[in-house]
């Protein structure tokens, strides 16, 4: 069960930035920093794709509303990445069944993804864009720091990840009222736009410039 802390930590981090996790683990394995990373994550093509997608996420994640769209697209990708990375880590060490590791990594990634996506939805209820940038930078640094720390002290890193996950879930519950109000307003705006479009079509009026 020695690989379990690393599986849990990588799952938590994958729910926030899956591409950063794959990139960091691949680099750590390729440079010989750890023997826990399977060769499939160290391949050059995997590192290049992960690096390009990480740059895309670094940009999209800092733009209001675009970040929420990006999160919705990654509702499947992040948990799947957490599950695959967990299974690969377990297969490399042989100390935990692949299926169990995949379930742990995937479920942890799903939970942290919901925290990230929900928090961003709450932040997007504010009109200023600076909070998005600050939170995104903090998330990137947090993922990089904890995954790196997990290479040297996986048990302590897993404890930190568990505390952050619990705190994030508590914050999400606290912010749920604000998020629900934001979703209700957005649905109302879409309804108004649809009604306006239907009215223009019925009257033959040109669309607004």
Protein backbone atom coordinates (compact mmCIF):
# COMPACT_ATOMS: atom_id res chain seq x y z
CA UNK A 1 0.00 0.00 0.00
CA UNK A 2 3.09 2.32 -0.11
CA UNK A 3 1.95 3.95 -3.36
CA UNK A 4 -1.47 4.89 -1.95
CA UNK A 5 -0.44 8.37 -0.70
CA UNK A 6 1.00 9.23 -4.11
CA UNK A 7 -2.13 7.94 -5.86
CA UNK A 8 -4.35 10.04 -3.60
CA UNK A 9 -2.22 13.16 -4.01
CA UNK A 10 -1.99 12.81 -7.79
CA UNK A 11 -5.77 12.26 -7.91
CA UNK A 12 -6.41 15.45 -5.95
CA UNK A 13 -4.02 17.39 -8.17
CA UNK A 14 -5.52 15.91 -11.36
CA UNK A 15 -8.91 17.30 -10.41
CA UNK A 16 -7.39 20.77 -10.46
CA UNK A 17 -4.91 20.55 -13.33
CA UNK A 18 -4.59 17.11 -14.90
CA UNK A 19 -2.08 18.18 -17.55
CA UNK A 20 0.28 19.63 -14.93
CA UNK A 21 0.22 16.33 -13.04
CA UNK A 22 1.08 14.26 -16.11
CA UNK A 23 3.79 16.73 -17.11
CA UNK A 24 5.37 16.90 -13.65
CA UNK A 25 5.29 13.15 -13.05
CA UNK A 26 6.74 12.52 -16.50
CA UNK A 27 9.56 14.98 -15.91
CA UNK A 28 10.31 13.57 -12.46
CA UNK A 29 10.48 10.07 -13.89
CA UNK A 30 12.53 11.04 -16.95
CA UNK A 31 15.09 12.89 -14.84
CA UNK A 32 15.48 9.96 -12.45
CA UNK A 33 14.08 11.85 -9.47
CA UNK A 34 11.78 8.92 -8.67
CA UNK A 35 11.31 5.29 -9.70
CA UNK A 36 7.55 5.41 -8.99
CA UNK A 37 6.62 6.90 -12.37
CA UNK A 38 5.94 4.39 -15.18
CA UNK A 39 7.75 4.77 -18.49
CA UNK A 40 4.49 5.46 -20.33
CA UNK A 41 4.31 8.86 -18.59
CA UNK A 42 7.95 9.62 -19.42
CA UNK A 43 7.57 9.31 -23.19
CA UNK A 44 8.54 12.40 -25.15
CA UNK A 45 5.26 12.57 -27.05
CA UNK A 46 3.28 12.37 -23.80
CA UNK A 47 5.36 15.17 -22.27
CA UNK A 48 4.93 17.38 -25.35
CA UNK A 49 1.16 16.91 -25.50
CA UNK A 50 0.84 17.46 -21.74
CA UNK A 51 2.98 20.59 -21.99
CA UNK A 52 0.93 22.08 -24.83
CA UNK A 53 -2.37 21.32 -23.09
CA UNK A 54 -1.00 22.73 -19.83
CA UNK A 55 -0.24 26.02 -21.60
CA UNK A 56 -3.76 26.06 -23.06
CA UNK A 57 -5.24 25.51 -19.62
CA UNK A 58 -2.95 28.16 -18.09
CA UNK A 59 -4.51 30.71 -20.45
CA UNK A 60 -8.15 29.56 -20.42
CA UNK A 61 -8.15 29.13 -16.65
CA UNK A 62 -7.50 32.83 -16.09
CA UNK A 63 -10.32 34.23 -18.24
CA UNK A 64 -13.70 34.77 -16.53
CA UNK A 65 -16.47 32.46 -17.82
CA UNK A 66 -14.02 30.78 -20.19
CA UNK A 67 -12.62 29.00 -17.14
CA UNK A 68 -16.08 27.63 -16.28
CA UNK A 69 -16.57 26.42 -19.86
CA UNK A 70 -13.14 24.78 -19.69
CA UNK A 71 -14.06 23.14 -16.38
CA UNK A 72 -17.30 21.73 -17.80
CA UNK A 73 -15.40 20.18 -20.71
CA UNK A 74 -12.95 18.60 -18.26
CA UNK A 75 -15.57 17.06 -15.99
CA UNK A 76 -14.73 13.71 -17.56
CA UNK A 77 -11.10 14.34 -18.52
CA UNK A 78 -9.78 15.18 -15.05
CA UNK A 79 -11.29 12.20 -13.18
CA UNK A 80 -10.27 9.91 -16.03
CA UNK A 81 -6.72 11.24 -15.87
CA UNK A 82 -6.66 10.75 -12.11
CA UNK A 83 -7.84 7.16 -12.54
CA UNK A 84 -5.34 6.34 -15.28
CA UNK A 85 -2.42 7.94 -13.44
CA UNK A 86 -3.38 6.12 -10.25
CA UNK A 87 -3.59 2.75 -12.05
CA UNK A 88 -0.24 3.35 -13.76
CA UNK A 89 1.45 4.28 -10.50
CA UNK A 90 0.02 1.17 -8.84
CA UNK A 91 1.13 -1.00 -11.74
CA UNK A 92 4.64 0.42 -11.50
CA UNK A 93 5.00 -0.27 -7.77
CA UNK A 94 2.95 -3.45 -7.55
CA UNK A 95 1.90 -2.54 -4.00
CA UNK A 96 -1.75 -1.74 -4.81
CA UNK A 97 -4.19 -3.35 -7.27
CA UNK A 98 -4.57 -1.28 -10.43
CA UNK A 99 -8.36 -1.23 -10.21
CA UNK A 100 -8.35 0.00 -6.61
CA UNK A 101 -5.76 2.67 -7.41
CA UNK A 102 -7.77 3.82 -10.40
CA UNK A 103 -10.92 4.09 -8.29
CA UNK A 104 -9.10 6.10 -5.61
CA UNK A 105 -7.38 8.42 -8.09
CA UNK A 106 -10.51 8.94 -10.17
CA UNK A 107 -12.89 9.59 -7.28
CA UNK A 108 -10.45 11.96 -5.60
CA UNK A 109 -9.95 13.82 -8.88
CA UNK A 110 -13.72 14.07 -9.35
CA UNK A 111 -14.17 15.55 -5.87
CA UNK A 112 -11.41 18.13 -6.30
CA UNK A 113 -12.70 18.96 -9.80
CA UNK A 114 -16.13 19.78 -8.37
CA UNK A 115 -14.46 22.01 -5.77
CA UNK A 116 -12.46 23.82 -8.46
CA UNK A 117 -15.39 24.19 -10.87
CA UNK A 118 -17.82 25.28 -8.16
CA UNK A 119 -15.41 27.80 -6.72
CA UNK A 120 -14.81 29.29 -10.17
CA UNK A 121 -18.54 29.61 -10.76
CA UNK A 122 -18.81 31.52 -7.48
CA UNK A 123 -15.88 33.76 -8.44
CA UNK A 124 -17.46 34.47 -11.84
CA UNK A 125 -20.42 36.07 -10.10
CA UNK A 126 -18.08 39.01 -9.48
CA UNK A 127 -17.53 41.33 -12.47
CA UNK A 128 -13.80 41.94 -11.85
CA UNK A 129 -11.34 39.56 -13.59
CA UNK A 130 -8.41 39.76 -11.18
CA UNK A 131 -9.65 37.12 -8.73
CA UNK A 132 -9.69 34.52 -11.51
CA UNK A 133 -6.03 35.19 -12.30
CA UNK A 134 -4.96 35.06 -8.64
CA UNK A 135 -6.89 31.86 -7.92
CA UNK A 136 -5.57 30.21 -11.09
CA UNK A 137 -1.97 31.05 -10.21
CA UNK A 138 -2.50 29.78 -6.67
CA UNK A 139 -3.95 26.51 -8.02
CA UNK A 140 -1.05 26.01 -10.43
CA UNK A 141 1.53 26.69 -7.72
CA UNK A 142 -0.34 24.47 -5.27
CA UNK A 143 -0.46 21.55 -7.68
CA UNK A 144 3.23 21.94 -8.58
CA UNK A 145 4.25 22.26 -4.95
CA UNK A 146 2.27 19.32 -3.58
CA UNK A 147 3.11 16.94 -6.45
CA UNK A 148 6.80 17.83 -6.05
CA UNK A 149 6.57 17.40 -2.27
CA UNK A 150 4.90 14.03 -2.79
CA UNK A 151 8.04 12.79 -4.54
CA UNK A 152 9.99 13.22 -1.30
CA UNK A 153 7.34 12.76 1.37
CA UNK A 154 4.19 11.15 -0.07
CA UNK A 155 2.48 10.60 3.28
CA UNK A 156 2.73 14.25 4.36
CA UNK A 157 1.69 15.41 0.88
CA UNK A 158 -1.37 13.15 1.01
CA UNK A 159 -2.36 14.62 4.37
CA UNK A 160 -2.06 18.16 2.99
CA UNK A 161 -4.11 17.17 -0.08
CA UNK A 162 -6.78 15.62 2.14
CA UNK A 163 -7.00 18.77 4.29
CA UNK A 164 -7.24 20.98 1.19
CA UNK A 165 -9.92 18.74 -0.29
CA UNK A 166 -11.98 18.80 2.89
CA UNK A 167 -11.59 22.58 3.18
CA UNK A 168 -12.56 22.99 -0.48
CA UNK A 169 -15.70 20.89 -0.06
CA UNK A 170 -16.68 22.92 3.01
CA UNK A 171 -16.12 26.15 1.07
CA UNK A 172 -18.17 24.82 -1.84
CA UNK A 173 -21.09 24.09 0.47
CA UNK A 174 -20.78 27.61 1.89
CA UNK A 175 -20.75 29.17 -1.60
CA UNK A 176 -23.57 27.03 -2.99
CA UNK A 177 -26.21 29.74 -2.47
CA UNK A 178 -24.14 32.21 -4.47
CA UNK A 179 -23.51 29.65 -7.20
CA UNK A 180 -27.21 28.76 -7.44
CA UNK A 181 -28.11 32.44 -7.73
CA UNK A 182 -25.55 32.85 -10.51
CA UNK A 183 -26.94 29.86 -12.41
CA UNK A 184 -30.47 31.20 -12.05
CA UNK A 185 -29.45 34.60 -13.42
CA UNK A 186 -27.58 33.02 -16.32
CA UNK A 187 -30.59 30.85 -17.20
CA UNK A 188 -32.80 33.94 -17.03
CA UNK A 189 -30.50 35.87 -19.39
CA UNK A 190 -30.50 32.99 -21.85
CA UNK A 191 -34.29 32.87 -21.72
CA UNK A 192 -34.52 36.60 -22.36
CA UNK A 193 -32.11 36.34 -25.29
CA UNK A 194 -34.11 33.46 -26.76
CA UNK A 195 -37.37 35.38 -26.44
CA UNK A 196 -35.79 38.46 -28.02
CA UNK A 197 -34.47 36.37 -30.90
CA UNK A 198 -37.88 34.79 -31.45
CA UNK A 199 -39.52 38.23 -31.38
CA UNK A 200 -37.09 39.54 -34.01
CA UNK A 201 -37.78 36.57 -36.23
CA UNK A 202 -41.54 37.06 -35.89
CA UNK A 203 -41.39 40.78 -36.72
CA UNK A 204 -38.58 40.58 -39.26
CA UNK A 205 -36.56 43.12 -37.31
CA UNK A 206 -32.77 43.11 -37.89
CA UNK A 207 -30.53 41.77 -35.10
CA UNK A 208 -29.00 44.40 -32.78
CA UNK A 209 -25.56 45.67 -33.74
